[in-house]
Amino acid sequence: MFFFDGNELHVAAIERILQKLRNIIELIKLCDSVRLYCCSLLLVYESDKTAKLNYKTDIRIIDFAEFQTQSGDGVRYDGPDEGFLRGLESLVRLLGNLVKEGNEKKKDITEEHEDEDEEKD
């Protein structure tokens, strides 16, 4: 998994990616008559193993050779690209679910350690 290093889910990195995705959504909503067909998102994050919360993140829209502002018959598109927005919002939902699962798992681990500490006392 992209955000899992074999030991833990990097929730902080996902949250940074989510914020950048939300910013892209707001920008796309402002792009009247632009259509991005067959494009991709490149999600990048780099972590510093010594500082677990020091993540460098970036998102790029790539491969948009089919960028259009009007249909084949010359009619200008109206409004933002709803299909592209739907895809971005789906990705936000999926990553948001990962954050929720990661936080629940951390909570469970914390509660287990608290229970173990109480048993020792």
N, C-alpha and C. Protein backbone atom coordinates (compact mmCIF):
# COMPACT_ATOMS: atom_id res chain seq x y z
N MET A 1 0.85 -1.17 0.00
CA MET A 1 0.00 0.00 0.00
C MET A 1 0.90 1.24 0.00
N PHE A 2 0.52 2.22 -0.71
CA PHE A 2 1.29 3.44 -0.90
C PHE A 2 1.64 4.14 0.42
N PHE A 3 0.73 4.22 1.36
CA PHE A 3 0.95 4.96 2.60
C PHE A 3 1.31 4.05 3.78
N PHE A 4 1.58 2.79 3.53
CA PHE A 4 1.90 1.84 4.59
C PHE A 4 3.32 1.35 4.39
N ASP A 5 4.16 1.47 5.40
CA ASP A 5 5.57 1.10 5.27
C ASP A 5 5.89 -0.30 5.78
N GLY A 6 4.85 -1.07 6.07
CA GLY A 6 5.06 -2.40 6.63
C GLY A 6 4.84 -2.45 8.12
N ASN A 7 4.92 -1.29 8.75
CA ASN A 7 4.72 -1.21 10.20
C ASN A 7 3.54 -0.33 10.57
N GLU A 8 3.40 0.77 9.88
CA GLU A 8 2.33 1.70 10.23
C GLU A 8 1.80 2.43 9.02
N LEU A 9 0.57 2.91 9.16
CA LEU A 9 -0.07 3.73 8.14
C LEU A 9 0.31 5.18 8.41
N HIS A 10 0.81 5.86 7.42
CA HIS A 10 1.27 7.24 7.59
C HIS A 10 0.09 8.21 7.44
N VAL A 11 -0.68 8.31 8.52
CA VAL A 11 -1.90 9.13 8.53
C VAL A 11 -1.59 10.60 8.26
N ALA A 12 -0.51 11.11 8.82
CA ALA A 12 -0.17 12.52 8.62
C ALA A 12 0.09 12.82 7.14
N ALA A 13 0.74 11.90 6.44
CA ALA A 13 0.99 12.09 5.01
C ALA A 13 -0.33 12.07 4.24
N ILE A 14 -1.23 11.17 4.60
CA ILE A 14 -2.53 11.10 3.93
C ILE A 14 -3.30 12.40 4.15
N GLU A 15 -3.24 12.92 5.37
CA GLU A 15 -3.96 14.17 5.67
C GLU A 15 -3.41 15.33 4.84
N ARG A 16 -2.11 15.36 4.63
CA ARG A 16 -1.53 16.42 3.78
C ARG A 16 -1.97 16.26 2.33
N ILE A 17 -1.99 15.03 1.85
CA ILE A 17 -2.47 14.77 0.49
C ILE A 17 -3.94 15.18 0.37
N LEU A 18 -4.73 14.85 1.38
CA LEU A 18 -6.15 15.22 1.37
C LEU A 18 -6.33 16.73 1.27
N GLN A 19 -5.54 17.49 2.01
CA GLN A 19 -5.66 18.94 1.95
C GLN A 19 -5.33 19.45 0.56
N LYS A 20 -4.31 18.88 -0.06
CA LYS A 20 -3.94 19.30 -1.42
C LYS A 20 -5.03 18.90 -2.43
N LEU A 21 -5.63 17.74 -2.24
CA LEU A 21 -6.73 17.33 -3.13
C LEU A 21 -7.91 18.28 -2.99
N ARG A 22 -8.22 18.66 -1.77
CA ARG A 22 -9.33 19.61 -1.56
C ARG A 22 -9.04 20.95 -2.23
N ASN A 23 -7.79 21.39 -2.19
CA ASN A 23 -7.42 22.63 -2.88
C ASN A 23 -7.58 22.49 -4.39
N ILE A 24 -7.19 21.35 -4.94
CA ILE A 24 -7.36 21.11 -6.38
C ILE A 24 -8.83 21.11 -6.75
N ILE A 25 -9.66 20.49 -5.90
CA ILE A 25 -11.11 20.48 -6.16
C ILE A 25 -11.64 21.91 -6.26
N GLU A 26 -11.24 22.75 -5.33
CA GLU A 26 -11.70 24.14 -5.36
C GLU A 26 -11.22 24.87 -6.61
N LEU A 27 -10.01 24.60 -7.06
CA LEU A 27 -9.50 25.22 -8.29
C LEU A 27 -10.26 24.72 -9.52
N ILE A 28 -10.51 23.42 -9.59
CA ILE A 28 -11.23 22.85 -10.75
C ILE A 28 -12.64 23.42 -10.82
N LYS A 29 -13.26 23.65 -9.67
CA LYS A 29 -14.60 24.24 -9.66
C LYS A 29 -14.62 25.62 -10.30
N LEU A 30 -13.47 26.30 -10.28
CA LEU A 30 -13.37 27.64 -10.87
C LEU A 30 -13.06 27.61 -12.37
N CYS A 31 -12.70 26.45 -12.88
CA CYS A 31 -12.31 26.32 -14.30
C CYS A 31 -13.53 26.06 -15.17
N ASP A 32 -14.16 27.11 -15.58
CA ASP A 32 -15.34 27.01 -16.42
C ASP A 32 -14.94 26.53 -17.81
N SER A 33 -15.64 25.57 -18.32
CA SER A 33 -15.53 25.03 -19.68
C SER A 33 -14.27 24.21 -19.95
N VAL A 34 -13.54 23.79 -18.92
CA VAL A 34 -12.35 22.96 -19.11
C VAL A 34 -12.72 21.51 -18.87
N ARG A 35 -12.28 20.63 -19.76
CA ARG A 35 -12.49 19.19 -19.60
C ARG A 35 -11.13 18.49 -19.66
N LEU A 36 -10.89 17.61 -18.69
CA LEU A 36 -9.62 16.88 -18.61
C LEU A 36 -9.91 15.40 -18.83
N TYR A 37 -9.81 14.95 -20.08
CA TYR A 37 -10.07 13.56 -20.42
C TYR A 37 -8.78 12.74 -20.34
N CYS A 38 -8.89 11.55 -19.81
CA CYS A 38 -7.78 10.58 -19.79
C CYS A 38 -6.53 11.12 -19.09
N CYS A 39 -6.70 11.91 -18.06
CA CYS A 39 -5.54 12.40 -17.33
C CYS A 39 -5.33 11.55 -16.08
N SER A 40 -4.22 11.78 -15.42
CA SER A 40 -3.87 11.02 -14.22
C SER A 40 -3.44 11.98 -13.13
N LEU A 41 -3.49 11.49 -11.91
CA LEU A 41 -2.94 12.22 -10.78
C LEU A 41 -1.68 11.51 -10.33
N LEU A 42 -0.64 12.25 -10.13
CA LEU A 42 0.59 11.71 -9.57
C LEU A 42 0.65 12.16 -8.12
N LEU A 43 0.54 11.22 -7.20
CA LEU A 43 0.63 11.51 -5.77
C LEU A 43 2.02 11.12 -5.29
N VAL A 44 2.70 12.05 -4.65
CA VAL A 44 4.06 11.79 -4.20
C VAL A 44 4.16 12.16 -2.73
N TYR A 45 4.80 11.27 -1.97
CA TYR A 45 5.18 11.68 -0.62
C TYR A 45 6.51 11.05 -0.28
N GLU A 46 7.27 11.81 0.47
CA GLU A 46 8.59 11.37 0.89
C GLU A 46 8.65 11.60 2.39
N SER A 47 9.12 10.61 3.10
CA SER A 47 9.20 10.77 4.55
C SER A 47 10.64 10.73 5.01
N ASP A 48 10.88 11.43 6.09
CA ASP A 48 12.18 11.41 6.74
C ASP A 48 12.06 10.43 7.90
N LYS A 49 12.77 9.34 7.83
CA LYS A 49 12.63 8.29 8.84
C LYS A 49 12.98 8.76 10.25
N THR A 50 13.81 9.79 10.36
CA THR A 50 14.18 10.28 11.69
C THR A 50 13.11 11.19 12.29
N ALA A 51 12.33 11.83 11.45
CA ALA A 51 11.25 12.72 11.91
C ALA A 51 9.96 12.26 11.27
N LYS A 52 9.22 11.41 11.95
CA LYS A 52 8.07 10.74 11.36
C LYS A 52 7.00 11.67 10.79
N LEU A 53 6.88 12.88 11.32
CA LEU A 53 5.83 13.78 10.83
C LEU A 53 6.35 14.74 9.77
N ASN A 54 7.58 14.58 9.34
CA ASN A 54 8.17 15.45 8.34
C ASN A 54 7.97 14.84 6.95
N TYR A 55 6.78 15.02 6.39
CA TYR A 55 6.46 14.47 5.07
C TYR A 55 6.47 15.57 4.04
N LYS A 56 7.08 15.28 2.91
CA LYS A 56 6.99 16.17 1.76
C LYS A 56 5.96 15.54 0.83
N THR A 57 4.95 16.30 0.46
CA THR A 57 3.89 15.76 -0.39
C THR A 57 3.69 16.66 -1.60
N ASP A 58 3.24 16.04 -2.68
CA ASP A 58 2.96 16.80 -3.89
C ASP A 58 1.92 16.04 -4.71
N ILE A 59 1.13 16.77 -5.45
CA ILE A 59 0.16 16.18 -6.37
C ILE A 59 0.30 16.92 -7.70
N ARG A 60 0.37 16.15 -8.76
CA ARG A 60 0.44 16.73 -10.10
C ARG A 60 -0.63 16.10 -10.98
N ILE A 61 -1.26 16.92 -11.80
CA ILE A 61 -2.16 16.41 -12.83
C ILE A 61 -1.28 16.17 -14.05
N ILE A 62 -1.25 14.92 -14.51
CA ILE A 62 -0.36 14.57 -15.63
C ILE A 62 -1.15 13.88 -16.75
N ASP A 63 -0.52 13.72 -17.88
CA ASP A 63 -1.09 13.00 -19.02
C ASP A 63 -2.42 13.59 -19.50
N PHE A 64 -2.51 14.90 -19.57
CA PHE A 64 -3.79 15.47 -20.00
C PHE A 64 -3.74 15.94 -21.46
N ALA A 65 -3.39 15.01 -22.32
CA ALA A 65 -3.33 15.30 -23.76
C ALA A 65 -4.71 15.60 -24.33
N GLU A 66 -5.75 15.14 -23.67
CA GLU A 66 -7.11 15.34 -24.16
C GLU A 66 -7.81 16.52 -23.47
N PHE A 67 -7.05 17.52 -23.07
CA PHE A 67 -7.59 18.74 -22.49
C PHE A 67 -8.44 19.46 -23.55
N GLN A 68 -9.69 19.78 -23.21
CA GLN A 68 -10.58 20.42 -24.18
C GLN A 68 -11.38 21.53 -23.52
N THR A 69 -11.77 22.52 -24.32
CA THR A 69 -12.65 23.59 -23.85
C THR A 69 -13.96 23.62 -24.63
N GLN A 70 -14.05 22.77 -25.66
CA GLN A 70 -15.29 22.71 -26.44
C GLN A 70 -15.48 21.30 -27.01
N SER A 71 -16.70 20.97 -27.31
CA SER A 71 -17.01 19.65 -27.84
C SER A 71 -16.55 19.56 -29.30
N GLY A 72 -16.63 18.35 -29.85
CA GLY A 72 -16.23 18.13 -31.24
C GLY A 72 -16.96 18.98 -32.25
N ASP A 73 -18.21 19.36 -31.93
CA ASP A 73 -18.97 20.19 -32.87
C ASP A 73 -18.80 21.69 -32.60
N GLY A 74 -17.81 22.03 -31.76
CA GLY A 74 -17.49 23.45 -31.54
C GLY A 74 -18.27 24.13 -30.44
N VAL A 75 -19.13 23.40 -29.75
CA VAL A 75 -19.92 24.00 -28.67
C VAL A 75 -19.04 24.08 -27.41
N ARG A 76 -18.94 25.28 -26.86
CA ARG A 76 -18.12 25.50 -25.67
C ARG A 76 -18.79 24.83 -24.47
N TYR A 77 -17.97 24.10 -23.69
CA TYR A 77 -18.49 23.46 -22.48
C TYR A 77 -18.89 24.52 -21.45
N ASP A 78 -19.87 24.19 -20.65
CA ASP A 78 -20.35 25.11 -19.62
C ASP A 78 -20.11 24.50 -18.25
N GLY A 79 -19.50 25.25 -17.36
CA GLY A 79 -19.27 24.81 -15.99
C GLY A 79 -18.02 23.96 -15.84
N PRO A 80 -17.72 23.60 -14.61
CA PRO A 80 -16.52 22.79 -14.35
C PRO A 80 -16.70 21.35 -14.81
N ASP A 81 -15.61 20.62 -14.88
CA ASP A 81 -15.61 19.22 -15.31
C ASP A 81 -16.15 18.34 -14.18
N GLU A 82 -17.43 18.01 -14.25
CA GLU A 82 -18.08 17.24 -13.19
C GLU A 82 -17.50 15.83 -13.06
N GLY A 83 -17.09 15.23 -14.16
CA GLY A 83 -16.50 13.89 -14.11
C GLY A 83 -15.17 13.90 -13.37
N PHE A 84 -14.33 14.88 -13.67
CA PHE A 84 -13.04 15.00 -12.99
C PHE A 84 -13.25 15.28 -11.51
N LEU A 85 -14.20 16.17 -11.21
CA LEU A 85 -14.52 16.48 -9.80
C LEU A 85 -15.02 15.23 -9.07
N ARG A 86 -15.85 14.43 -9.72
CA ARG A 86 -16.36 13.21 -9.11
C ARG A 86 -15.21 12.27 -8.76
N GLY A 87 -14.25 12.15 -9.67
CA GLY A 87 -13.09 11.31 -9.41
C GLY A 87 -12.25 11.81 -8.24
N LEU A 88 -12.02 13.12 -8.19
CA LEU A 88 -11.26 13.70 -7.08
C LEU A 88 -11.99 13.50 -5.76
N GLU A 89 -13.30 13.72 -5.77
CA GLU A 89 -14.08 13.56 -4.53
C GLU A 89 -14.11 12.11 -4.07
N SER A 90 -14.11 11.16 -5.02
CA SER A 90 -14.04 9.74 -4.66
C SER A 90 -12.71 9.42 -4.00
N LEU A 91 -11.64 9.97 -4.54
CA LEU A 91 -10.31 9.76 -3.95
C LEU A 91 -10.24 10.36 -2.55
N VAL A 92 -10.82 11.54 -2.37
CA VAL A 92 -10.87 12.16 -1.04
C VAL A 92 -11.61 11.26 -0.06
N ARG A 93 -12.73 10.68 -0.50
CA ARG A 93 -13.50 9.78 0.36
C ARG A 93 -12.69 8.54 0.74
N LEU A 94 -12.04 7.94 -0.24
CA LEU A 94 -11.23 6.73 0.01
C LEU A 94 -10.08 7.02 0.97
N LEU A 95 -9.36 8.10 0.72
CA LEU A 95 -8.25 8.45 1.61
C LEU A 95 -8.75 8.85 2.99
N GLY A 96 -9.90 9.51 3.03
CA GLY A 96 -10.50 9.86 4.33
C GLY A 96 -10.84 8.61 5.13
N ASN A 97 -11.31 7.57 4.45
CA ASN A 97 -11.59 6.30 5.14
C ASN A 97 -10.31 5.68 5.68
N LEU A 98 -9.20 5.80 4.94
CA LEU A 98 -7.92 5.29 5.43
C LEU A 98 -7.49 6.03 6.69
N VAL A 99 -7.66 7.34 6.70
CA VAL A 99 -7.31 8.14 7.89
C VAL A 99 -8.15 7.69 9.07
N LYS A 100 -9.44 7.51 8.85
CA LYS A 100 -10.34 7.08 9.92
C LYS A 100 -9.91 5.72 10.47
N GLU A 101 -9.62 4.78 9.58
CA GLU A 101 -9.18 3.45 10.01
C GLU A 101 -7.86 3.53 10.77
N GLY A 102 -6.93 4.35 10.27
CA GLY A 102 -5.64 4.50 10.93
C GLY A 102 -5.78 5.09 12.31
N ASN A 103 -6.65 6.09 12.46
CA ASN A 103 -6.87 6.71 13.77
C ASN A 103 -7.55 5.74 14.73
N GLU A 104 -8.50 4.94 14.23
CA GLU A 104 -9.16 3.95 15.08
C GLU A 104 -8.17 2.89 15.55
N LYS A 105 -7.27 2.49 14.67
CA LYS A 105 -6.28 1.49 15.04
C LYS A 105 -5.33 2.05 16.11
N LYS A 106 -4.90 3.30 15.94
CA LYS A 106 -4.04 3.93 16.94
C LYS A 106 -4.76 4.01 18.29
N LYS A 107 -6.05 4.34 18.25
CA LYS A 107 -6.83 4.43 19.48
C LYS A 107 -6.90 3.07 20.16
N ASP A 108 -7.14 2.01 19.38
CA ASP A 108 -7.20 0.65 19.94
C ASP A 108 -5.87 0.26 20.57
N ILE A 109 -4.76 0.59 19.91
CA ILE A 109 -3.44 0.26 20.44
C ILE A 109 -3.18 1.02 21.73
N THR A 110 -3.56 2.29 21.77
CA THR A 110 -3.39 3.10 22.98
C THR A 110 -4.18 2.52 24.13
N GLU A 111 -5.44 2.12 23.86
CA GLU A 111 -6.28 1.54 24.91
C GLU A 111 -5.71 0.21 25.41
N GLU A 112 -5.14 -0.59 24.51
CA GLU A 112 -4.52 -1.86 24.91
C GLU A 112 -3.36 -1.61 25.86
N HIS A 113 -2.53 -0.60 25.55
CA HIS A 113 -1.39 -0.28 26.40
C HIS A 113 -1.84 0.25 27.76
N GLU A 114 -2.91 1.03 27.77
CA GLU A 114 -3.44 1.54 29.03
C GLU A 114 -3.96 0.39 29.89
N ASP A 115 -4.63 -0.58 29.27
CA ASP A 115 -5.13 -1.75 29.99
C ASP A 115 -3.97 -2.56 30.57
N GLU A 116 -2.90 -2.72 29.79
CA GLU A 116 -1.72 -3.45 30.27
C GLU A 116 -1.07 -2.74 31.45
N ASP A 117 -1.01 -1.41 31.38
CA ASP A 117 -0.42 -0.64 32.47
C ASP A 117 -1.25 -0.75 33.74
N GLU A 118 -2.59 -0.76 33.61
CA GLU A 118 -3.47 -0.92 34.77
C GLU A 118 -3.30 -2.28 35.41
N GLU A 119 -3.11 -3.32 34.59
CA GLU A 119 -2.93 -4.67 35.10
C GLU A 119 -1.62 -4.80 35.88
N LYS A 120 -0.59 -4.06 35.49
CA LYS A 120 0.70 -4.09 36.16
C LYS A 120 0.62 -3.44 37.55
N ASP A 121 -0.25 -2.44 37.68
CA ASP A 121 -0.40 -1.72 38.97
C ASP A 121 -1.15 -2.58 39.92
